[in-house]
Amino acid sequence: MNTSASSLRALKGQILLPRPLNCLITAFSVGVGAFAAGLHLLPPEVWWAALAAALLAGAGNGLNDVADLEIDRINRPQRPLPAGHLSRRTALVQSVVLALAGIGIAWWQRPALGGMALLVTAALALYDLWLKRTALWGNLLVSALAAAAFPFGALAAGQLGRAWIPAGFAFLFHLGREIIKDLEDVEGDRAQGARTLPLRTGAPFAAALAAGLLLVLAVFTWWPWLGGIYGWPYLVPVLGVDALLLWTSWRLLHDRAAMPGAQLSSRLKWGMLLGLLAVVAGEVG
């Protein structure tokens, strides 16, 4: 019985390690990038690119957990590695396999996609080995990688089109969210000697910067509609996105103690999905 229970925990850990929801959001972002590039009927190349990007995202999440094991023992003890469901070696091997599979699929579809996948993988390694514990540089890199899902989809589609619009929004969104996650992780980061933005500048400044980025994003989300790029269908989901951004900013500035960063960052995931729907609605409308 103990062996069976241990095997089930290990299987659950292997499933949860890549963070399936994040992988699905990445795959959806690739499809939205191709959609914004002008392909409203997505060919098989885009579906394969979405799978490759999801695998790379899963690899990045796994490598992040391998690098963050000691920090997660304090901040996120329920994750597979600190909970003891997986060994560090198993997680590393699984993540490398996912990365190689993602690069291979991307290269099979188009060498340019494979080259971009290689760059993304190298950037993930750079982040985990060095930049993740620095002030702001790691946040900037993660935000750029998240935004890269849209041009990745556009590259699979063979044209850029308007994929730069959601890419720009994603960069600002993820930059604000990454700073919020650093606010959440202060205790573990301090224990491991990291020098993240809240530890370098203080939590109030970091919270104000995150709130400012989200407010700037809320303003910019109106530009595609005011500029005549997207029509009325775009506004309905965007109003939901902006309401979430404004609420999060207010809590960061006025009520951080009552709303821990973990809750803020997790609730912002709904903003990702609403934002993707807004771009699709704008392209269709």
Protein backbone atom coordinates (compact mmCIF):
# COMPACT_ATOMS: atom_id res chain seq x y z
CA MET A 1 0.00 0.00 0.00
CA ASN A 2 2.80 2.41 0.86
CA THR A 3 4.50 1.74 -2.47
CA SER A 4 1.23 2.30 -4.34
CA ALA A 5 0.52 5.55 -2.49
CA SER A 6 4.07 6.74 -3.11
CA SER A 7 3.75 5.98 -6.83
CA LEU A 8 0.48 7.91 -7.02
CA ARG A 9 2.07 10.90 -5.27
CA ALA A 10 5.00 10.77 -7.70
CA LEU A 11 2.63 10.62 -10.69
CA LYS A 12 0.63 13.55 -9.34
CA GLY A 13 3.86 15.44 -8.78
CA GLN A 14 5.00 14.83 -12.35
CA ILE A 15 1.65 16.09 -13.66
CA LEU A 16 1.64 19.20 -11.47
CA LEU A 17 5.34 20.09 -11.83
CA PRO A 18 4.96 21.75 -15.28
CA ARG A 19 1.87 23.67 -14.02
CA PRO A 20 -0.68 22.48 -16.63
CA LEU A 21 -2.87 25.59 -16.44
CA ASN A 22 0.09 27.84 -17.23
CA CYS A 23 1.02 25.55 -20.14
CA LEU A 24 -2.53 25.77 -21.52
CA ILE A 25 -2.48 29.57 -21.26
CA THR A 26 0.84 29.59 -23.15
CA ALA A 27 -0.59 27.37 -25.89
CA PHE A 28 -3.68 29.59 -26.13
CA SER A 29 -1.41 32.65 -26.38
CA VAL A 30 0.39 31.11 -29.37
CA GLY A 31 -2.96 30.55 -31.06
CA VAL A 32 -4.01 34.13 -30.31
CA GLY A 33 -0.71 35.36 -31.76
CA ALA A 34 -1.42 33.53 -35.02
CA PHE A 35 -5.01 34.79 -34.93
CA ALA A 36 -3.80 38.37 -34.49
CA ALA A 37 -1.37 37.82 -37.36
CA GLY A 38 -4.38 37.36 -39.65
CA LEU A 39 -4.99 33.59 -39.67
CA HIS A 40 -8.55 33.12 -38.45
CA LEU A 41 -8.48 29.46 -39.47
CA LEU A 42 -5.43 28.08 -37.72
CA PRO A 43 -3.43 25.56 -39.79
CA PRO A 44 -1.74 22.48 -38.26
CA GLU A 45 1.57 24.38 -38.06
CA VAL A 46 0.09 26.71 -35.45
CA TRP A 47 -1.30 23.83 -33.38
CA TRP A 48 2.11 22.17 -33.38
CA ALA A 49 3.72 25.49 -32.41
CA ALA A 50 1.23 25.82 -29.54
CA LEU A 51 2.18 22.34 -28.32
CA ALA A 52 5.89 23.17 -28.57
CA ALA A 53 5.40 26.37 -26.58
CA ALA A 54 3.38 24.54 -23.92
CA LEU A 55 6.18 21.99 -23.55
CA LEU A 56 8.77 24.76 -23.23
CA ALA A 57 6.61 26.50 -20.62
CA GLY A 58 6.33 23.24 -18.69
CA ALA A 59 10.10 22.79 -18.87
CA GLY A 60 10.64 26.33 -17.61
CA ASN A 61 8.26 25.83 -14.70
CA GLY A 62 9.96 22.59 -13.73
CA LEU A 63 13.44 24.08 -13.93
CA ASN A 64 12.24 27.01 -11.85
CA ASP A 65 11.07 24.64 -9.12
CA VAL A 66 14.38 22.76 -9.20
CA ALA A 67 16.28 26.03 -8.76
CA ASP A 68 13.84 27.33 -6.12
CA LEU A 69 13.58 24.20 -3.97
CA GLU A 70 14.97 25.77 -0.79
CA ILE A 71 12.92 28.94 -1.24
CA ASP A 72 9.76 26.92 -1.92
CA ARG A 73 10.26 24.97 1.32
CA ILE A 74 9.34 28.28 2.97
CA ASN A 75 7.04 29.98 0.45
CA ARG A 76 5.27 27.10 -1.33
CA PRO A 77 5.71 23.88 0.64
CA GLN A 78 2.75 22.29 -1.15
CA ARG A 79 4.57 22.11 -4.50
CA PRO A 80 5.74 18.65 -5.66
CA LEU A 81 9.44 19.08 -4.82
CA PRO A 82 9.29 20.59 -1.31
CA ALA A 83 6.37 18.26 -0.51
CA GLY A 84 8.65 15.31 -1.27
CA HIS A 85 6.52 13.87 -4.08
CA LEU A 86 9.40 14.07 -6.57
CA SER A 87 13.16 14.02 -6.30
CA ARG A 88 15.14 16.96 -7.62
CA ARG A 89 16.82 14.66 -10.17
CA THR A 90 13.48 13.36 -11.49
CA ALA A 91 12.17 16.90 -11.86
CA LEU A 92 15.33 17.98 -13.69
CA VAL A 93 15.19 15.02 -16.11
CA GLN A 94 11.50 15.59 -16.79
CA SER A 95 12.09 19.29 -17.48
CA VAL A 96 14.99 18.60 -19.86
CA VAL A 97 12.87 16.04 -21.76
CA LEU A 98 10.04 18.58 -22.10
CA ALA A 99 12.47 21.24 -23.35
CA LEU A 100 14.02 18.91 -25.92
CA ALA A 101 10.58 17.82 -27.10
CA GLY A 102 9.46 21.44 -27.47
CA ILE A 103 12.59 22.41 -29.41
CA GLY A 104 12.28 19.32 -31.61
CA ILE A 105 8.64 19.95 -32.51
CA ALA A 106 9.32 23.62 -33.21
CA TRP A 107 12.31 22.79 -35.43
CA TRP A 108 10.31 20.12 -37.26
CA GLN A 109 7.67 22.70 -38.14
CA ARG A 110 10.05 25.47 -39.16
CA PRO A 111 13.78 26.03 -38.47
CA ALA A 112 13.06 29.64 -37.47
CA LEU A 113 10.64 28.37 -34.81
CA GLY A 114 13.27 25.92 -33.63
CA GLY A 115 15.81 28.73 -33.36
CA MET A 116 13.38 30.81 -31.33
CA ALA A 117 12.68 27.80 -29.10
CA LEU A 118 16.42 27.39 -28.51
CA LEU A 119 16.72 31.05 -27.54
CA VAL A 120 13.79 30.72 -25.15
CA THR A 121 15.35 27.65 -23.53
CA ALA A 122 18.70 29.42 -23.16
CA ALA A 123 16.94 32.41 -21.60
CA LEU A 124 15.14 30.12 -19.15
CA ALA A 125 18.46 28.61 -18.11
CA LEU A 126 19.99 32.08 -17.71
CA TYR A 127 17.07 33.11 -15.55
CA ASP A 128 17.21 30.07 -13.27
CA LEU A 129 20.98 30.11 -12.89
CA TRP A 130 21.50 33.81 -12.31
CA LEU A 131 18.82 36.43 -13.03
CA LYS A 132 15.95 35.10 -10.92
CA ARG A 133 17.53 36.37 -7.69
CA THR A 134 18.40 39.82 -8.99
CA ALA A 135 16.41 43.01 -8.73
CA LEU A 136 14.14 43.53 -11.75
CA TRP A 137 16.36 41.89 -14.43
CA GLY A 138 14.79 38.49 -13.85
CA ASN A 139 11.32 40.06 -13.90
CA LEU A 140 12.07 41.74 -17.22
CA LEU A 141 13.29 38.49 -18.77
CA VAL A 142 10.29 36.45 -17.61
CA SER A 143 7.94 39.14 -18.93
CA ALA A 144 9.69 39.12 -22.31
CA LEU A 145 9.46 35.33 -22.48
CA ALA A 146 5.74 35.42 -21.67
CA ALA A 147 5.19 38.04 -24.37
CA ALA A 148 7.20 35.95 -26.85
CA ALA A 149 4.34 33.42 -27.12
CA PHE A 150 2.49 35.82 -29.43
CA PRO A 151 5.27 36.40 -32.00
CA PHE A 152 5.96 32.65 -31.74
CA GLY A 153 2.42 32.05 -32.97
CA ALA A 154 2.79 34.75 -35.61
CA LEU A 155 6.03 33.15 -36.81
CA ALA A 156 4.20 29.83 -37.15
CA ALA A 157 1.56 31.69 -39.17
CA GLY A 158 4.22 33.18 -41.43
CA GLN A 159 3.43 36.85 -40.77
CA LEU A 160 3.52 39.27 -37.84
CA GLY A 161 0.23 41.06 -38.40
CA ARG A 162 -1.02 42.60 -35.16
CA ALA A 163 0.58 40.04 -32.83
CA TRP A 164 2.70 42.84 -31.36
CA ILE A 165 -0.43 44.27 -29.68
CA PRO A 166 -1.08 41.36 -27.28
CA ALA A 167 2.69 40.91 -26.91
CA GLY A 168 3.02 44.46 -25.59
CA PHE A 169 0.08 44.03 -23.25
CA ALA A 170 1.49 40.71 -21.99
CA PHE A 171 4.87 42.25 -21.24
CA LEU A 172 3.40 44.94 -18.98
CA PHE A 173 0.97 42.51 -17.38
CA HIS A 174 3.60 39.93 -16.52
CA LEU A 175 6.11 42.53 -15.33
CA GLY A 176 3.60 43.80 -12.78
CA ARG A 177 2.62 40.28 -11.79
CA GLU A 178 6.23 39.12 -11.38
CA ILE A 179 6.92 41.97 -8.97
CA ILE A 180 3.81 40.98 -7.01
CA LYS A 181 5.13 37.41 -6.84
CA ASP A 182 8.43 38.76 -5.50
CA LEU A 183 6.48 40.55 -2.78
CA GLU A 184 4.88 37.22 -1.94
CA ASP A 185 8.25 35.45 -1.79
CA VAL A 186 10.11 37.93 0.41
CA GLU A 187 10.49 35.57 3.38
CA GLY A 188 12.02 32.70 1.41
CA ASP A 189 14.10 34.98 -0.81
CA ARG A 190 15.60 36.73 2.21
CA ALA A 191 16.47 33.39 3.81
CA GLN A 192 18.34 32.32 0.66
CA GLY A 193 20.16 35.62 0.15
CA ALA A 194 18.31 36.66 -3.00
CA ARG A 195 18.34 40.32 -3.99
CA THR A 196 14.92 40.75 -5.56
CA LEU A 197 13.30 44.15 -6.00
CA PRO A 198 11.32 44.21 -2.72
CA LEU A 199 14.46 43.25 -0.79
CA ARG A 200 16.56 45.89 -2.54
CA THR A 201 14.11 48.79 -2.48
CA GLY A 202 11.57 47.84 0.17
CA ALA A 203 8.08 46.41 -0.21
CA PRO A 204 6.24 49.77 -0.47
CA PHE A 205 8.29 50.88 -3.51
CA ALA A 206 7.93 47.48 -5.21
CA ALA A 207 4.18 47.47 -4.58
CA ALA A 208 3.87 51.00 -5.98
CA LEU A 209 5.86 50.05 -9.09
CA ALA A 210 3.70 46.96 -9.69
CA ALA A 211 0.55 49.03 -9.25
CA GLY A 212 1.89 51.69 -11.61
CA LEU A 213 2.64 49.12 -14.32
CA LEU A 214 -0.86 47.65 -14.05
CA LEU A 215 -2.42 51.12 -14.21
CA VAL A 216 -0.36 51.99 -17.30
CA LEU A 217 -1.54 48.74 -18.87
CA ALA A 218 -5.17 49.57 -18.06
CA VAL A 219 -4.79 52.88 -19.91
CA PHE A 220 -3.09 51.28 -22.91
CA THR A 221 -5.79 48.62 -23.28
CA TRP A 222 -8.08 51.37 -24.58
CA TRP A 223 -5.71 52.36 -27.37
CA PRO A 224 -6.70 49.60 -29.89
CA TRP A 225 -10.35 50.63 -29.59
CA LEU A 226 -9.76 54.40 -29.60
CA GLY A 227 -7.38 53.97 -32.55
CA GLY A 228 -9.97 52.06 -34.55
CA ILE A 229 -7.94 48.84 -34.60
CA TYR A 230 -10.53 46.82 -32.67
CA GLY A 231 -14.28 47.34 -32.51
CA TRP A 232 -16.93 47.17 -29.80
CA PRO A 233 -16.64 43.39 -29.15
CA TYR A 234 -13.15 44.05 -27.79
CA LEU A 235 -14.47 46.34 -25.06
CA VAL A 236 -16.59 43.82 -23.15
CA PRO A 237 -13.76 41.53 -21.97
CA VAL A 238 -11.33 44.46 -21.71
CA LEU A 239 -13.60 46.16 -19.19
CA GLY A 240 -13.29 43.01 -17.08
CA VAL A 241 -9.50 43.07 -17.44
CA ASP A 242 -9.31 46.73 -16.47
CA ALA A 243 -11.58 46.24 -13.46
CA LEU A 244 -9.23 43.50 -12.21
CA LEU A 245 -6.15 45.65 -12.87
CA LEU A 246 -7.63 48.62 -11.02
CA TRP A 247 -8.75 46.48 -8.09
CA THR A 248 -5.33 44.84 -7.83
CA SER A 249 -3.58 48.21 -7.97
CA TRP A 250 -5.81 49.59 -5.24
CA ARG A 251 -5.11 46.60 -2.98
CA LEU A 252 -1.36 46.92 -3.60
CA LEU A 253 -1.36 50.58 -2.65
CA HIS A 254 -3.86 50.59 0.21
CA ASP A 255 -4.49 47.14 1.63
CA ARG A 256 -1.51 44.84 1.03
CA ALA A 257 -1.61 43.39 4.53
CA ALA A 258 -5.17 42.15 4.08
CA MET A 259 -4.55 40.63 0.66
CA PRO A 260 -1.31 38.62 0.46
CA GLY A 261 0.61 38.64 -2.80
CA ALA A 262 -0.22 34.98 -3.45
CA GLN A 263 -3.91 35.81 -3.74
CA LEU A 264 -3.28 38.84 -5.91
CA SER A 265 -1.00 37.02 -8.34
CA SER A 266 -3.29 34.00 -8.62
CA ARG A 267 -6.36 36.15 -9.23
CA LEU A 268 -4.50 38.01 -11.94
CA LYS A 269 -4.47 34.76 -13.94
CA TRP A 270 -8.10 35.46 -14.75
CA GLY A 271 -6.90 38.69 -16.31
CA MET A 272 -4.67 36.69 -18.67
CA LEU A 273 -7.64 34.69 -19.95
CA LEU A 274 -9.87 37.75 -20.27
CA GLY A 275 -7.11 39.58 -22.12
CA LEU A 276 -6.71 36.74 -24.60
CA LEU A 277 -10.47 36.68 -25.18
CA ALA A 278 -10.43 40.45 -25.70
CA VAL A 279 -7.85 40.16 -28.49
CA VAL A 280 -9.80 37.36 -30.17
CA ALA A 281 -13.02 39.37 -29.90
CA GLY A 282 -11.25 42.41 -31.32
CA GLU A 283 -9.90 40.47 -34.29
CA VAL A 284 -13.28 38.87 -35.01
CA GLY A 285 -15.20 42.10 -34.52
